[in-house]
Amino acid sequence: MKTASIPSLRVEPALRSAAESVLQDGESLSSFVEQSIRICVDRRRLQKEFIARGLSSRDEAKRKDEYFSASEILDELDSLLIQAEAKAKAQE
């Protein structure tokens, strides 16, 4: 597989120093930048998917005319938490 280059980036010396100060043993600035880009790309992809699911859920609720209040959802989550805690305690 061929590799591609990321354009060089001009930054303030303080930012470069800050980045270099957190490098782990044996880690290069280039590998740090690559890892940072991968993490940011993943986070943005996940955000995009999250928003798409939210919009889809909204559209489905509108289509079905089925809505739940925040208090109903919180009550349900509290119930699930109580059940999970009871199950964990029973397994001790």
C-alpha atoms as a PDB file:
ATOM      1  CA  MET A   1       0.000   0.000   0.000  1.00  0.00           C
ATOM      2  CA  LYS A   2       1.324   3.417  -0.900  1.00  0.00           C
ATOM      3  CA  THR A   3       1.519   6.045   1.784  1.00  0.00           C
ATOM      4  CA  ALA A   4       0.443   9.656   1.511  1.00  0.00           C
ATOM      5  CA  SER A   5       1.747  12.784   3.160  1.00  0.00           C
ATOM      6  CA  ILE A   6      -0.036  15.185   5.455  1.00  0.00           C
ATOM      7  CA  PRO A   7       0.809  18.790   4.600  1.00  0.00           C
ATOM      8  CA  SER A   8       3.457  20.313   6.824  1.00  0.00           C
ATOM      9  CA  LEU A   9       2.064  22.482   9.544  1.00  0.00           C
ATOM     10  CA  ARG A  10       3.421  25.751  10.837  1.00  0.00           C
ATOM     11  CA  VAL A  11       2.740  26.307  14.530  1.00  0.00           C
ATOM     12  CA  GLU A  12       3.901  28.643  17.244  1.00  0.00           C
ATOM     13  CA  PRO A  13       7.071  27.477  18.989  1.00  0.00           C
ATOM     14  CA  ALA A  14       5.137  27.178  22.262  1.00  0.00           C
ATOM     15  CA  LEU A  15       2.764  24.606  20.728  1.00  0.00           C
ATOM     16  CA  ARG A  16       5.643  22.566  19.338  1.00  0.00           C
ATOM     17  CA  SER A  17       7.366  22.639  22.733  1.00  0.00           C
ATOM     18  CA  ALA A  18       4.163  21.595  24.467  1.00  0.00           C
ATOM     19  CA  ALA A  19       3.746  18.670  22.064  1.00  0.00           C
ATOM     20  CA  GLU A  20       7.362  17.597  22.493  1.00  0.00           C
ATOM     21  CA  SER A  21       7.020  17.790  26.268  1.00  0.00           C
ATOM     22  CA  VAL A  22       4.347  15.082  26.321  1.00  0.00           C
ATOM     23  CA  LEU A  23       5.996  12.606  23.967  1.00  0.00           C
ATOM     24  CA  GLN A  24       6.414   9.132  25.411  1.00  0.00           C
ATOM     25  CA  ASP A  25       9.714   7.238  25.361  1.00  0.00           C
ATOM     26  CA  GLY A  26      10.645   6.423  21.775  1.00  0.00           C
ATOM     27  CA  GLU A  27       7.744   8.392  20.339  1.00  0.00           C
ATOM     28  CA  SER A  28       8.466  10.872  17.577  1.00  0.00           C
ATOM     29  CA  LEU A  29       6.658  14.116  16.968  1.00  0.00           C
ATOM     30  CA  SER A  30       5.502  12.689  13.629  1.00  0.00           C
ATOM     31  CA  SER A  31       3.949   9.604  15.242  1.00  0.00           C
ATOM     32  CA  PHE A  32       2.302  11.825  17.856  1.00  0.00           C
ATOM     33  CA  VAL A  33       0.776  13.999  15.127  1.00  0.00           C
ATOM     34  CA  GLU A  34      -0.383  10.913  13.197  1.00  0.00           C
ATOM     35  CA  GLN A  35      -2.005   9.421  16.294  1.00  0.00           C
ATOM     36  CA  SER A  36      -3.670  12.758  17.079  1.00  0.00           C
ATOM     37  CA  ILE A  37      -5.109  12.960  13.571  1.00  0.00           C
ATOM     38  CA  ARG A  38      -6.428   9.378  13.804  1.00  0.00           C
ATOM     39  CA  ILE A  39      -8.101  10.103  17.149  1.00  0.00           C
ATOM     40  CA  CYS A  40      -9.661  13.316  15.846  1.00  0.00           C
ATOM     41  CA  VAL A  41     -10.914  11.619  12.667  1.00  0.00           C
ATOM     42  CA  ASP A  42     -12.469   8.802  14.726  1.00  0.00           C
ATOM     43  CA  ARG A  43     -14.098  11.276  17.139  1.00  0.00           C
ATOM     44  CA  ARG A  44     -15.591  13.299  14.290  1.00  0.00           C
ATOM     45  CA  ARG A  45     -16.869  10.144  12.571  1.00  0.00           C
ATOM     46  CA  LEU A  46     -18.492   9.030  15.844  1.00  0.00           C
ATOM     47  CA  GLN A  47     -20.030  12.482  16.344  1.00  0.00           C
ATOM     48  CA  LYS A  48     -21.428  12.406  12.822  1.00  0.00           C
ATOM     49  CA  GLU A  49     -22.919   8.944  13.381  1.00  0.00           C
ATOM     50  CA  PHE A  50     -24.342  10.015  16.766  1.00  0.00           C
ATOM     51  CA  ILE A  51     -26.043  13.036  15.211  1.00  0.00           C
ATOM     52  CA  ALA A  52     -27.408  10.904  12.363  1.00  0.00           C
ATOM     53  CA  ARG A  53     -28.881   8.414  14.875  1.00  0.00           C
ATOM     54  CA  GLY A  54     -30.414  11.273  16.861  1.00  0.00           C
ATOM     55  CA  LEU A  55     -31.991  12.810  13.783  1.00  0.00           C
ATOM     56  CA  SER A  56     -33.273   9.417  12.683  1.00  0.00           C
ATOM     57  CA  SER A  57     -34.753   8.821  16.128  1.00  0.00           C
ATOM     58  CA  ARG A  58     -36.383  12.246  16.038  1.00  0.00           C
ATOM     59  CA  ASP A  59     -37.894  11.514  12.633  1.00  0.00           C
ATOM     60  CA  GLU A  60     -39.144   8.122  13.817  1.00  0.00           C
ATOM     61  CA  ALA A  61     -40.755   9.704  16.886  1.00  0.00           C
ATOM     62  CA  LYS A  62     -42.473  12.271  14.668  1.00  0.00           C
ATOM     63  CA  ARG A  63     -43.644   9.552  12.285  1.00  0.00           C
ATOM     64  CA  LYS A  64     -45.052   7.416  15.110  1.00  0.00           C
ATOM     65  CA  ASP A  65     -46.134  10.445  17.149  1.00  0.00           C
ATOM     66  CA  GLU A  66     -44.545   8.720  20.140  1.00  0.00           C
ATOM     67  CA  TYR A  67     -42.613  10.900  22.556  1.00  0.00           C
ATOM     68  CA  PHE A  68     -41.263  10.393  26.074  1.00  0.00           C
ATOM     69  CA  SER A  69     -40.503  13.055  28.647  1.00  0.00           C
ATOM     70  CA  ALA A  70     -37.063  13.398  30.172  1.00  0.00           C
ATOM     71  CA  SER A  71     -38.455  12.359  33.554  1.00  0.00           C
ATOM     72  CA  GLU A  72     -39.887   9.155  32.057  1.00  0.00           C
ATOM     73  CA  ILE A  73     -36.514   8.289  30.566  1.00  0.00           C
ATOM     74  CA  LEU A  74     -34.667   9.091  33.799  1.00  0.00           C
ATOM     75  CA  ASP A  75     -37.111   6.970  35.790  1.00  0.00           C
ATOM     76  CA  GLU A  76     -36.517   4.059  33.418  1.00  0.00           C
ATOM     77  CA  LEU A  77     -32.741   4.490  33.697  1.00  0.00           C
ATOM     78  CA  ASP A  78     -32.984   4.597  37.498  1.00  0.00           C
ATOM     79  CA  SER A  79     -34.968   1.371  37.410  1.00  0.00           C
ATOM     80  CA  LEU A  80     -32.357  -0.309  35.207  1.00  0.00           C
ATOM     81  CA  LEU A  81     -29.584   0.869  37.537  1.00  0.00           C
ATOM     82  CA  ILE A  82     -31.365  -0.498  40.601  1.00  0.00           C
ATOM     83  CA  GLN A  83     -31.842  -3.855  38.849  1.00  0.00           C
ATOM     84  CA  ALA A  84     -28.178  -3.989  37.802  1.00  0.00           C
ATOM     85  CA  GLU A  85     -26.988  -3.109  41.315  1.00  0.00           C
ATOM     86  CA  ALA A  86     -29.245  -5.776  42.832  1.00  0.00           C
ATOM     87  CA  LYS A  87     -27.955  -8.368  40.347  1.00  0.00           C
ATOM     88  CA  ALA A  88     -24.329  -7.440  41.082  1.00  0.00           C
ATOM     89  CA  LYS A  89     -24.944  -7.621  44.820  1.00  0.00           C
ATOM     90  CA  ALA A  90     -26.590 -11.040  44.485  1.00  0.00           C
ATOM     91  CA  GLN A  91     -23.530 -12.346  42.643  1.00  0.00           C
ATOM     92  CA  GLU A  92     -21.160 -11.299  45.443  1.00  0.00           C
END
